[in-house]
Amino acid sequence: MFQGNPVEWAVPSAAAKVLKKLGLASLMALAVLTGPAAQARGVVDDPTPMVALSSLPKEAQQTQRLIRAGGPFPYAKDGTVFGNRERLLPRRERGFYREYTVRTPGERNRGARRIVCGGRQPTEPEACFYTDDHYASFKRIAQ
């Protein structure tokens, strides 16, 4: 089965050991360097249709201003974690997305309109999405 000196195939050469260590180190460095890029790609490469903030209802524009200012928000649920159970937004870790109510004139309750933003800093979101049909569809808000 094996040919040659058994010591040669049983004990790796010093060069082989170095190459293995370099290979492992390279893989670890690659994982560290591409990890955040791969996570960010979920939002950057998002196929969700885009919409200009200026073309959204004035109430949505006001909600977006409140998000960037950190509030105060008119509804207790505003700023809570959005679970993305519908999986219509790019997949991210739990807690990445937060939802905010967009007032609907004439509605007595919160209505169906929302802005969902994702990012580490709620006042500086990486991406925000608008829905006027209670999460059945989204449009990414162009910043």
Protein backbone atom coordinates (compact mmCIF):
# COMPACT_ATOMS: atom_id res chain seq x y z
CA MET A 1 0.00 0.00 0.00
CA PHE A 2 2.57 2.63 1.07
CA GLN A 3 5.86 2.83 -0.70
CA GLY A 4 9.13 4.31 0.49
CA ASN A 5 10.45 4.87 3.95
CA PRO A 6 7.62 4.67 6.56
CA VAL A 7 9.19 7.58 8.46
CA GLU A 8 8.78 9.83 5.41
CA TRP A 9 5.02 9.33 5.14
CA ALA A 10 4.34 9.12 8.87
CA VAL A 11 6.17 12.27 9.94
CA PRO A 12 5.43 15.40 7.89
CA SER A 13 8.38 17.43 6.77
CA ALA A 14 9.09 20.79 8.34
CA ALA A 15 7.98 22.46 5.10
CA ALA A 16 4.65 20.62 5.18
CA LYS A 17 4.06 21.74 8.77
CA VAL A 18 4.76 25.37 7.83
CA LEU A 19 2.43 25.15 4.82
CA LYS A 20 -0.35 23.72 6.98
CA LYS A 21 0.07 26.53 9.51
CA LEU A 22 0.10 29.15 6.74
CA GLY A 23 -2.99 27.59 5.18
CA LEU A 24 -4.87 27.69 8.46
CA ALA A 25 -3.71 31.23 9.17
CA SER A 26 -4.76 32.32 5.68
CA LEU A 27 -8.21 30.83 6.12
CA MET A 28 -8.62 32.51 9.48
CA ALA A 29 -7.51 35.88 8.07
CA LEU A 30 -9.86 35.49 5.12
CA ALA A 31 -12.77 34.71 7.44
CA VAL A 32 -12.02 37.77 9.58
CA LEU A 33 -11.66 40.07 6.59
CA THR A 34 -14.70 38.86 4.67
CA GLY A 35 -17.03 38.21 7.61
CA PRO A 36 -18.32 41.79 7.97
CA ALA A 37 -18.42 42.23 4.19
CA ALA A 38 -20.49 39.09 3.82
CA GLN A 39 -22.90 40.29 6.52
CA ALA A 40 -23.18 43.76 5.01
CA ARG A 41 -23.79 42.25 1.59
CA GLY A 42 -27.21 41.10 2.85
CA VAL A 43 -28.34 44.72 2.81
CA VAL A 44 -26.16 46.08 -0.01
CA ASP A 45 -27.09 43.35 -2.52
CA ASP A 46 -30.75 43.50 -1.54
CA PRO A 47 -33.12 42.98 -4.49
CA THR A 48 -35.99 44.84 -2.77
CA PRO A 49 -37.44 47.61 -5.01
CA MET A 50 -36.20 51.10 -4.16
CA VAL A 51 -38.28 54.18 -3.37
CA ALA A 52 -37.16 57.78 -2.84
CA LEU A 53 -37.93 59.15 0.61
CA SER A 54 -39.38 62.25 -1.04
CA SER A 55 -41.95 60.12 -2.88
CA LEU A 56 -43.28 58.54 0.33
CA PRO A 57 -46.24 60.03 2.23
CA LYS A 58 -45.36 63.03 4.40
CA GLU A 59 -46.08 60.90 7.50
CA ALA A 60 -43.37 58.43 6.43
CA GLN A 61 -40.92 61.29 5.91
CA GLN A 62 -41.73 62.54 9.42
CA THR A 63 -41.23 59.05 10.87
CA GLN A 64 -37.84 58.84 9.13
CA ARG A 65 -36.82 62.17 10.70
CA LEU A 66 -37.87 60.87 14.12
CA ILE A 67 -35.83 57.69 13.60
CA ARG A 68 -32.69 59.70 12.84
CA ALA A 69 -33.36 61.99 15.82
CA GLY A 70 -33.93 59.08 18.20
CA GLY A 71 -37.55 60.03 18.86
CA PRO A 72 -39.75 60.83 20.61
CA PHE A 73 -42.03 58.29 18.97
CA PRO A 74 -45.82 58.44 19.15
CA TYR A 75 -46.38 54.71 19.74
CA ALA A 76 -44.97 52.47 22.48
CA LYS A 77 -44.12 49.74 19.92
CA ASP A 78 -41.94 52.10 17.88
CA GLY A 79 -38.29 51.08 18.01
CA THR A 80 -38.99 47.49 19.05
CA VAL A 81 -37.22 44.57 17.38
CA PHE A 82 -38.69 43.47 14.07
CA GLY A 83 -38.34 39.69 13.68
CA ASN A 84 -38.50 39.53 9.85
CA ARG A 85 -40.65 36.39 10.14
CA GLU A 86 -41.95 37.01 6.63
CA ARG A 87 -38.33 36.78 5.41
CA LEU A 88 -38.90 39.52 2.86
CA LEU A 89 -35.94 41.57 4.09
CA PRO A 90 -32.31 40.44 3.85
CA ARG A 91 -31.56 37.84 6.54
CA ARG A 92 -29.70 39.30 9.49
CA GLU A 93 -29.19 38.41 13.12
CA ARG A 94 -32.06 38.92 15.54
CA GLY A 95 -32.18 42.46 16.84
CA PHE A 96 -30.78 43.99 13.65
CA TYR A 97 -34.14 45.35 12.45
CA ARG A 98 -36.44 47.72 14.34
CA GLU A 99 -39.94 48.80 13.35
CA TYR A 100 -41.60 52.20 13.48
CA THR A 101 -45.21 53.19 12.86
CA VAL A 102 -46.08 55.58 10.04
CA ARG A 103 -49.24 57.43 11.05
CA THR A 104 -52.21 56.86 8.77
CA PRO A 105 -54.67 59.78 8.66
CA GLY A 106 -58.14 58.68 9.75
CA GLU A 107 -56.93 55.47 11.47
CA ARG A 108 -57.77 55.05 15.15
CA ASN A 109 -55.04 52.43 15.65
CA ARG A 110 -51.51 52.10 14.29
CA GLY A 111 -52.68 51.20 10.80
CA ALA A 112 -50.68 49.13 8.31
CA ARG A 113 -47.86 51.51 7.39
CA ARG A 114 -44.40 50.97 8.87
CA ILE A 115 -40.76 51.78 8.38
CA VAL A 116 -38.34 49.01 9.32
CA CYS A 117 -34.69 50.00 9.73
CA GLY A 118 -31.63 47.86 10.24
CA GLY A 119 -28.27 48.67 11.71
CA ARG A 120 -26.23 48.73 14.86
CA GLN A 121 -27.11 52.33 15.70
CA PRO A 122 -30.88 52.97 15.50
CA THR A 123 -30.28 56.67 14.70
CA GLU A 124 -27.86 55.78 11.88
CA PRO A 125 -29.52 52.85 10.10
CA GLU A 126 -27.70 50.96 7.34
CA ALA A 127 -30.98 50.51 5.47
CA CYS A 128 -34.65 51.35 5.93
CA PHE A 129 -37.68 49.77 4.29
CA TYR A 130 -41.22 51.06 3.87
CA THR A 131 -44.38 48.93 3.89
CA ASP A 132 -47.92 50.19 3.46
CA ASP A 133 -49.51 46.74 3.68
CA HIS A 134 -48.38 45.55 7.12
CA TYR A 135 -45.27 43.61 6.05
CA ALA A 136 -46.74 41.92 2.95
CA SER A 137 -44.28 43.86 0.78
CA PHE A 138 -41.39 46.28 1.25
CA LYS A 139 -39.57 48.99 -0.66
CA ARG A 140 -36.06 50.01 0.34
CA ILE A 141 -35.85 53.73 1.06
CA ALA A 142 -33.09 55.40 -0.96
CA GLN A 143 -30.98 57.55 1.36
